[in-house]
C-alpha atoms as a PDB file:
ATOM      1  CA  MET A   1      10.960  -8.453 -11.866  1.00  0.00           C
ATOM      2  CA  LYS A   2       7.532  -8.227 -13.506  1.00  0.00           C
ATOM      3  CA  SER A   3       4.567  -6.384 -12.007  1.00  0.00           C
ATOM      4  CA  ALA A   4       0.846  -5.930 -12.600  1.00  0.00           C
ATOM      5  CA  VAL A   5      -1.494  -3.056 -11.743  1.00  0.00           C
ATOM      6  CA  VAL A   6      -5.177  -3.697 -11.075  1.00  0.00           C
ATOM      7  CA  VAL A   7      -7.512  -1.238 -12.844  1.00  0.00           C
ATOM      8  CA  LEU A   8     -11.044  -0.688 -11.537  1.00  0.00           C
ATOM      9  CA  PRO A   9     -13.737   1.894 -12.363  1.00  0.00           C
ATOM     10  CA  GLY A  10     -13.186   4.976 -10.219  1.00  0.00           C
ATOM     11  CA  LEU A  11      -9.515   4.466  -9.472  1.00  0.00           C
ATOM     12  CA  ASN A  12      -7.502   7.597 -10.303  1.00  0.00           C
ATOM     13  CA  ARG A  13      -3.951   6.663  -9.267  1.00  0.00           C
ATOM     14  CA  ASP A  14      -3.385   3.793 -11.679  1.00  0.00           C
ATOM     15  CA  ARG A  15      -1.414   5.971 -14.107  1.00  0.00           C
ATOM     16  CA  ASP A  16       0.759   7.271 -11.268  1.00  0.00           C
ATOM     17  CA  MET A  17       1.450   3.713 -10.143  1.00  0.00           C
ATOM     18  CA  ILE A  18       2.223   2.496 -13.666  1.00  0.00           C
ATOM     19  CA  ALA A  19       4.617   5.425 -14.170  1.00  0.00           C
ATOM     20  CA  ALA A  20       6.377   4.753 -10.844  1.00  0.00           C
ATOM     21  CA  LEU A  21       6.801   1.023 -11.452  1.00  0.00           C
ATOM     22  CA  THR A  22       8.044   1.680 -14.995  1.00  0.00           C
ATOM     23  CA  LYS A  23      10.634   4.211 -13.834  1.00  0.00           C
ATOM     24  CA  ILE A  24      11.881   2.018 -11.004  1.00  0.00           C
ATOM     25  CA  SER A  25      11.888  -1.397 -12.693  1.00  0.00           C
ATOM     26  CA  GLY A  26      12.504  -0.355 -16.290  1.00  0.00           C
ATOM     27  CA  LYS A  27       9.534  -2.493 -17.346  1.00  0.00           C
ATOM     28  CA  VAL A  28       5.970  -1.369 -18.022  1.00  0.00           C
ATOM     29  CA  PRO A  29       3.621  -3.316 -15.725  1.00  0.00           C
ATOM     30  CA  VAL A  30       0.741  -5.253 -17.208  1.00  0.00           C
ATOM     31  CA  THR A  31      -2.739  -4.020 -16.358  1.00  0.00           C
ATOM     32  CA  VAL A  32      -5.585  -6.268 -15.274  1.00  0.00           C
ATOM     33  CA  TRP A  33      -9.243  -5.260 -15.445  1.00  0.00           C
ATOM     34  CA  GLN A  34     -12.077  -5.844 -12.968  1.00  0.00           C
ATOM     35  CA  THR A  35     -13.497  -8.822 -14.880  1.00  0.00           C
ATOM     36  CA  ASP A  36     -10.188 -10.595 -15.451  1.00  0.00           C
ATOM     37  CA  THR A  37     -10.086 -13.976 -13.743  1.00  0.00           C
ATOM     38  CA  GLU A  38      -6.381 -14.602 -14.244  1.00  0.00           C
ATOM     39  CA  ILE A  39      -3.255 -12.530 -13.668  1.00  0.00           C
ATOM     40  CA  PRO A  40      -0.132 -13.190 -15.763  1.00  0.00           C
ATOM     41  CA  ASP A  41       3.042 -14.560 -14.234  1.00  0.00           C
ATOM     42  CA  VAL A  42       4.327 -11.584 -12.219  1.00  0.00           C
ATOM     43  CA  ASP A  43       6.314 -10.977  -9.043  1.00  0.00           C
ATOM     44  CA  LEU A  44       4.249  -8.062  -7.731  1.00  0.00           C
ATOM     45  CA  VAL A  45       0.580  -7.061  -7.955  1.00  0.00           C
ATOM     46  CA  VAL A  46      -0.424  -3.515  -7.008  1.00  0.00           C
ATOM     47  CA  ILE A  47      -3.908  -2.134  -6.332  1.00  0.00           C
ATOM     48  CA  PRO A  48      -3.661   1.665  -6.617  1.00  0.00           C
ATOM     49  CA  GLY A  49      -5.675   4.391  -4.964  1.00  0.00           C
ATOM     50  CA  GLY A  50      -8.759   6.330  -5.950  1.00  0.00           C
ATOM     51  CA  PHE A  51     -12.484   5.894  -5.400  1.00  0.00           C
ATOM     52  CA  SER A  52     -13.437   2.521  -6.862  1.00  0.00           C
ATOM     53  CA  TYR A  53     -17.129   2.391  -7.756  1.00  0.00           C
ATOM     54  CA  GLY A  54     -17.574   5.843  -6.232  1.00  0.00           C
ATOM     55  CA  ASP A  55     -16.918   4.499  -2.707  1.00  0.00           C
ATOM     56  CA  TYR A  56     -20.532   3.323  -2.572  1.00  0.00           C
ATOM     57  CA  LEU A  57     -21.595   0.999   0.275  1.00  0.00           C
ATOM     58  CA  ARG A  58     -18.175   1.189   1.958  1.00  0.00           C
ATOM     59  CA  CYS A  59     -14.836   2.184   0.470  1.00  0.00           C
ATOM     60  CA  GLY A  60     -13.553  -0.844  -1.434  1.00  0.00           C
ATOM     61  CA  ALA A  61     -16.592  -3.025  -0.689  1.00  0.00           C
ATOM     62  CA  ILE A  62     -17.750  -3.412  -4.299  1.00  0.00           C
ATOM     63  CA  ALA A  63     -14.246  -3.728  -5.739  1.00  0.00           C
ATOM     64  CA  ALA A  64     -13.422  -6.479  -3.243  1.00  0.00           C
ATOM     65  CA  ARG A  65     -16.132  -8.643  -4.829  1.00  0.00           C
ATOM     66  CA  MET A  66     -14.952  -8.307  -8.420  1.00  0.00           C
ATOM     67  CA  PRO A  67     -13.524 -11.381 -10.237  1.00  0.00           C
ATOM     68  CA  VAL A  68     -10.048  -9.827 -10.424  1.00  0.00           C
ATOM     69  CA  MET A  69      -9.792  -9.827  -6.623  1.00  0.00           C
ATOM     70  CA  ARG A  70     -10.226 -13.594  -6.520  1.00  0.00           C
ATOM     71  CA  ALA A  71      -7.293 -13.752  -8.923  1.00  0.00           C
ATOM     72  CA  VAL A  72      -5.281 -11.418  -6.663  1.00  0.00           C
ATOM     73  CA  ALA A  73      -6.059 -13.624  -3.653  1.00  0.00           C
ATOM     74  CA  GLU A  74      -4.935 -16.709  -5.577  1.00  0.00           C
ATOM     75  CA  LYS A  75      -1.638 -15.023  -6.439  1.00  0.00           C
ATOM     76  CA  ALA A  76      -1.133 -14.037  -2.806  1.00  0.00           C
ATOM     77  CA  GLU A  77      -1.778 -17.605  -1.678  1.00  0.00           C
ATOM     78  CA  LYS A  78       1.010 -18.695  -4.022  1.00  0.00           C
ATOM     79  CA  GLY A  79       3.408 -16.227  -2.386  1.00  0.00           C
ATOM     80  CA  VAL A  80       3.260 -13.393  -4.919  1.00  0.00           C
ATOM     81  CA  GLN A  81       3.708  -9.985  -3.306  1.00  0.00           C
ATOM     82  CA  VAL A  82       0.678  -7.680  -3.252  1.00  0.00           C
ATOM     83  CA  ILE A  83       0.550  -3.977  -2.387  1.00  0.00           C
ATOM     84  CA  GLY A  84      -2.651  -2.003  -1.868  1.00  0.00           C
ATOM     85  CA  VAL A  85      -2.303   1.780  -1.587  1.00  0.00           C
ATOM     86  CA  CYS A  86      -5.073   3.975  -0.122  1.00  0.00           C
ATOM     87  CA  ASN A  87      -8.239   2.648  -1.809  1.00  0.00           C
ATOM     88  CA  GLY A  88      -6.169  -0.454  -2.553  1.00  0.00           C
ATOM     89  CA  PHE A  89      -5.655  -0.900   1.209  1.00  0.00           C
ATOM     90  CA  GLN A  90      -9.398  -0.523   1.740  1.00  0.00           C
ATOM     91  CA  ILE A  91     -10.059  -3.136  -0.954  1.00  0.00           C
ATOM     92  CA  LEU A  92      -7.633  -5.626   0.621  1.00  0.00           C
ATOM     93  CA  VAL A  93      -9.357  -5.209   3.980  1.00  0.00           C
ATOM     94  CA  GLU A  94     -12.819  -5.610   2.449  1.00  0.00           C
ATOM     95  CA  ALA A  95     -11.597  -8.720   0.609  1.00  0.00           C
ATOM     96  CA  GLY A  96     -10.457 -10.272   3.890  1.00  0.00           C
ATOM     97  CA  MET A  97      -6.813 -10.281   2.832  1.00  0.00           C
ATOM     98  CA  LEU A  98      -5.848  -7.936   5.675  1.00  0.00           C
ATOM     99  CA  PRO A  99      -7.407  -7.613   9.149  1.00  0.00           C
ATOM    100  CA  GLY A 100      -9.207  -4.655  10.682  1.00  0.00           C
ATOM    101  CA  ALA A 101     -11.276  -1.863   9.164  1.00  0.00           C
ATOM    102  CA  LEU A 102     -10.701   1.552   7.609  1.00  0.00           C
ATOM    103  CA  MET A 103     -13.228   4.041   8.934  1.00  0.00           C
ATOM    104  CA  ARG A 104     -14.074   7.674   8.279  1.00  0.00           C
ATOM    105  CA  ASN A 105     -11.319  10.090   9.310  1.00  0.00           C
ATOM    106  CA  ASP A 106     -11.899  11.164  12.897  1.00  0.00           C
ATOM    107  CA  HIS A 107     -12.333  14.825  11.881  1.00  0.00           C
ATOM    108  CA  LEU A 108     -14.854  13.745   9.177  1.00  0.00           C
ATOM    109  CA  LYS A 109     -13.010  15.623   6.443  1.00  0.00           C
ATOM    110  CA  PHE A 110     -11.003  14.628   3.390  1.00  0.00           C
ATOM    111  CA  VAL A 111      -7.292  15.105   4.049  1.00  0.00           C
ATOM    112  CA  CYS A 112      -4.649  15.849   1.404  1.00  0.00           C
ATOM    113  CA  ARG A 113      -1.192  16.713   2.703  1.00  0.00           C
ATOM    114  CA  GLU A 114       2.241  15.349   3.477  1.00  0.00           C
ATOM    115  CA  VAL A 115       2.838  13.271   6.606  1.00  0.00           C
ATOM    116  CA  LYS A 116       5.811  11.631   8.308  1.00  0.00           C
ATOM    117  CA  LEU A 117       6.082   7.855   8.637  1.00  0.00           C
ATOM    118  CA  ARG A 118       8.317   5.735  10.824  1.00  0.00           C
ATOM    119  CA  VAL A 119       9.526   2.417   9.437  1.00  0.00           C
ATOM    120  CA  GLU A 120       8.576   0.055  12.261  1.00  0.00           C
ATOM    121  CA  ASN A 121       9.844  -3.183  10.739  1.00  0.00           C
ATOM    122  CA  ALA A 122      12.653  -3.060   8.176  1.00  0.00           C
ATOM    123  CA  ASN A 123      13.026  -6.829   8.030  1.00  0.00           C
ATOM    124  CA  THR A 124      10.427  -7.509   5.331  1.00  0.00           C
ATOM    125  CA  SER A 125      10.360  -7.803   1.551  1.00  0.00           C
ATOM    126  CA  PHE A 126       8.651  -4.390   1.405  1.00  0.00           C
ATOM    127  CA  THR A 127      10.945  -2.457   3.743  1.00  0.00           C
ATOM    128  CA  ARG A 128      14.403  -4.057   3.510  1.00  0.00           C
ATOM    129  CA  ASN A 129      15.828  -0.989   1.732  1.00  0.00           C
ATOM    130  CA  TYR A 130      14.889   1.237   4.667  1.00  0.00           C
ATOM    131  CA  ALA A 131      16.677   1.491   8.021  1.00  0.00           C
ATOM    132  CA  PRO A 132      14.809   0.417  11.195  1.00  0.00           C
ATOM    133  CA  GLY A 133      13.103   3.430  12.702  1.00  0.00           C
ATOM    134  CA  GLN A 134      13.786   5.594   9.641  1.00  0.00           C
ATOM    135  CA  ILE A 135      11.489   8.617   9.306  1.00  0.00           C
ATOM    136  CA  ILE A 136      10.248   9.201   5.773  1.00  0.00           C
ATOM    137  CA  ARG A 137       7.910  11.643   4.068  1.00  0.00           C
ATOM    138  CA  ALA A 138       4.757  10.575   2.227  1.00  0.00           C
ATOM    139  CA  PRO A 139       1.664  12.283   0.784  1.00  0.00           C
ATOM    140  CA  VAL A 140      -1.831  11.216   1.812  1.00  0.00           C
ATOM    141  CA  ALA A 141      -5.204  11.872   0.159  1.00  0.00           C
ATOM    142  CA  HIS A 142      -8.192  10.097   1.712  1.00  0.00           C
ATOM    143  CA  HIS A 143     -11.477  10.424   3.556  1.00  0.00           C
ATOM    144  CA  ASP A 144     -11.579   6.958   5.138  1.00  0.00           C
ATOM    145  CA  GLY A 145      -8.112   6.102   6.404  1.00  0.00           C
ATOM    146  CA  ASN A 146      -8.820   5.716  10.115  1.00  0.00           C
ATOM    147  CA  TYR A 147      -7.464   2.205  10.776  1.00  0.00           C
ATOM    148  CA  PHE A 148      -9.187   0.223  13.528  1.00  0.00           C
ATOM    149  CA  ALA A 149      -8.936  -3.326  14.839  1.00  0.00           C
ATOM    150  CA  ASP A 150     -10.414  -5.044  17.870  1.00  0.00           C
ATOM    151  CA  PRO A 151      -8.050  -5.432  20.863  1.00  0.00           C
ATOM    152  CA  GLU A 152      -7.209  -9.082  20.126  1.00  0.00           C
ATOM    153  CA  THR A 153      -6.414  -8.416  16.465  1.00  0.00           C
ATOM    154  CA  LEU A 154      -4.456  -5.281  17.328  1.00  0.00           C
ATOM    155  CA  ALA A 155      -2.354  -7.131  19.910  1.00  0.00           C
ATOM    156  CA  ARG A 156      -1.635  -9.868  17.398  1.00  0.00           C
ATOM    157  CA  ILE A 157      -0.482  -7.647  14.530  1.00  0.00           C
ATOM    158  CA  GLU A 158       1.571  -5.481  16.883  1.00  0.00           C
ATOM    159  CA  GLY A 159       3.124  -8.500  18.581  1.00  0.00           C
ATOM    160  CA  GLU A 160       3.970 -10.180  15.273  1.00  0.00           C
ATOM    161  CA  GLY A 161       5.693  -7.101  13.868  1.00  0.00           C
ATOM    162  CA  ARG A 162       3.091  -6.668  11.153  1.00  0.00           C
ATOM    163  CA  VAL A 163       2.823  -2.895  11.490  1.00  0.00           C
ATOM    164  CA  LEU A 164       5.370  -1.753   8.907  1.00  0.00           C
ATOM    165  CA  PHE A 165       4.628   1.964   8.853  1.00  0.00           C
ATOM    166  CA  ARG A 166       3.351   4.262  11.580  1.00  0.00           C
ATOM    167  CA  TYR A 167       2.473   7.961  11.423  1.00  0.00           C
ATOM    168  CA  ALA A 168       5.257   9.858  13.177  1.00  0.00           C
ATOM    169  CA  GLU A 169       5.939  13.260  14.714  1.00  0.00           C
ATOM    170  CA  ASN A 170       2.265  13.975  15.450  1.00  0.00           C
ATOM    171  CA  THR A 171       1.264  13.834  11.773  1.00  0.00           C
ATOM    172  CA  ASN A 172      -1.503  11.204  12.086  1.00  0.00           C
ATOM    173  CA  PRO A 173      -4.045  12.618   9.599  1.00  0.00           C
ATOM    174  CA  ASN A 174      -7.053  10.436  10.373  1.00  0.00           C
ATOM    175  CA  GLY A 175      -7.103   9.166  13.984  1.00  0.00           C
ATOM    176  CA  SER A 176      -5.809   5.718  13.060  1.00  0.00           C
ATOM    177  CA  ILE A 177      -5.374   3.527  16.151  1.00  0.00           C
ATOM    178  CA  ASN A 178      -1.764   3.281  17.358  1.00  0.00           C
ATOM    179  CA  ASP A 179      -0.876   5.673  14.512  1.00  0.00           C
ATOM    180  CA  ILE A 180      -0.969   2.693  12.115  1.00  0.00           C
ATOM    181  CA  ALA A 181      -0.349   3.651   8.474  1.00  0.00           C
ATOM    182  CA  GLY A 182       0.545   0.292   6.902  1.00  0.00           C
ATOM    183  CA  ILE A 183       0.301  -3.396   7.807  1.00  0.00           C
ATOM    184  CA  VAL A 184       1.066  -6.806   6.289  1.00  0.00           C
ATOM    185  CA  ASN A 185      -0.748 -10.125   6.422  1.00  0.00           C
ATOM    186  CA  ASP A 186       0.463 -12.989   8.606  1.00  0.00           C
ATOM    187  CA  ARG A 187       2.507 -14.417   5.730  1.00  0.00           C
ATOM    188  CA  GLY A 188       4.196 -11.084   5.112  1.00  0.00           C
ATOM    189  CA  ASN A 189       3.524 -10.862   1.372  1.00  0.00           C
ATOM    190  CA  VAL A 190       0.438  -8.587   1.322  1.00  0.00           C
ATOM    191  CA  LEU A 191       0.937  -4.938   2.287  1.00  0.00           C
ATOM    192  CA  GLY A 192      -1.742  -2.301   2.724  1.00  0.00           C
ATOM    193  CA  LEU A 193      -0.919   1.343   3.424  1.00  0.00           C
ATOM    194  CA  MET A 194      -2.826   4.608   3.222  1.00  0.00           C
ATOM    195  CA  PRO A 195      -0.029   7.007   2.122  1.00  0.00           C
ATOM    196  CA  HIS A 196       1.033   7.212  -1.528  1.00  0.00           C
ATOM    197  CA  PRO A 197       4.703   6.191  -1.944  1.00  0.00           C
ATOM    198  CA  GLU A 198       4.327   6.243  -5.737  1.00  0.00           C
ATOM    199  CA  ASN A 199       4.026  10.041  -5.601  1.00  0.00           C
ATOM    200  CA  LEU A 200       7.429  10.566  -3.994  1.00  0.00           C
ATOM    201  CA  ILE A 201       9.969   8.567  -6.003  1.00  0.00           C
ATOM    202  CA  GLU A 202      12.090  11.175  -7.821  1.00  0.00           C
ATOM    203  CA  ALA A 203      13.424  14.698  -7.646  1.00  0.00           C
ATOM    204  CA  ALA A 204      10.531  15.983  -9.768  1.00  0.00           C
ATOM    205  CA  HIS A 205       8.228  14.939  -6.912  1.00  0.00           C
ATOM    206  CA  GLY A 206      10.284  16.838  -4.370  1.00  0.00           C
ATOM    207  CA  GLY A 207      11.869  13.725  -2.904  1.00  0.00           C
ATOM    208  CA  SER A 208      12.282   9.983  -3.265  1.00  0.00           C
ATOM    209  CA  ASP A 209      11.299   8.572   0.136  1.00  0.00           C
ATOM    210  CA  GLY A 210       8.748   6.231  -1.447  1.00  0.00           C
ATOM    211  CA  ARG A 211      11.180   4.691  -3.917  1.00  0.00           C
ATOM    212  CA  PRO A 212      12.831   2.170  -1.517  1.00  0.00           C
ATOM    213  CA  LEU A 213       9.461   0.506  -0.888  1.00  0.00           C
ATOM    214  CA  PHE A 214       9.080  -0.432  -4.541  1.00  0.00           C
ATOM    215  CA  GLU A 215      12.765  -1.246  -4.924  1.00  0.00           C
ATOM    216  CA  SER A 216      12.446  -3.572  -1.931  1.00  0.00           C
ATOM    217  CA  ALA A 217       9.352  -5.279  -3.343  1.00  0.00           C
ATOM    218  CA  LEU A 218      10.952  -5.612  -6.782  1.00  0.00           C
ATOM    219  CA  GLY A 219      14.202  -7.020  -5.396  1.00  0.00           C
ATOM    220  CA  ILE A 220      16.276  -4.009  -6.465  1.00  0.00           C
ATOM    221  CA  ALA A 221      19.232  -3.421  -4.159  1.00  0.00           C
ATOM    222  CA  ALA A 222      19.456  -0.092  -2.388  1.00  0.00           C
ATOM    223  CA  PRO A 223      21.932   2.319  -4.051  1.00  0.00           C
ATOM    224  CA  GLN A 224      25.305   2.291  -2.313  1.00  0.00           C
ATOM    225  CA  PRO A 225      26.867   5.597  -1.278  1.00  0.00           C
ATOM    226  CA  GLU A 226      29.786   6.856  -3.310  1.00  0.00           C
ATOM    227  CA  PRO A 227      33.161   6.101  -1.675  1.00  0.00           C
ATOM    228  CA  ALA A 228      34.746   9.086   0.035  1.00  0.00           C
END
């Protein structure tokens, strides 16, 4: 499975994402720049976190209007899987590829810590290597992760099972409505989430709870337990 990582001015998690995808897939992802109008033939496109264009206007607002995002949207329309993490989630929302809005954290402070997530829907291409209801650990680092949607939109995404990850065990770090941490589009091939699964994929990170997300997206089967 081949992957691509979008690189934009101000992003600071692209190297982390490239390292994670390389370790998990065994293949170095291609990188695409802000002015690129085409993305090579890949199975997964990832928009990493950071502070694209200094978070001017609104987080992700400038990045969402770059030529590369039209190319990302075209790939998504063709069924290619897309993941946006943190600032990548904000960019996907600003680009109209995911519903709702990501507002300032309710306590108006930057938050950088570990949280707990519950896997709400394990029947997707991003979560199939998790168990339904599984509680996982994940680090967060953001100032504008407070997810909001109007009542009609919220009812629709909840009713359609499009909330894949929810903050659990009272660890919501930003006031996000319904404790929402990650959602997918109506087609199920575009995922946006605020936590950083790429920073918890191996023992050196202190755990590997984020690894199954990428293995799921890349079509890598979950490791089977050793026979007793």
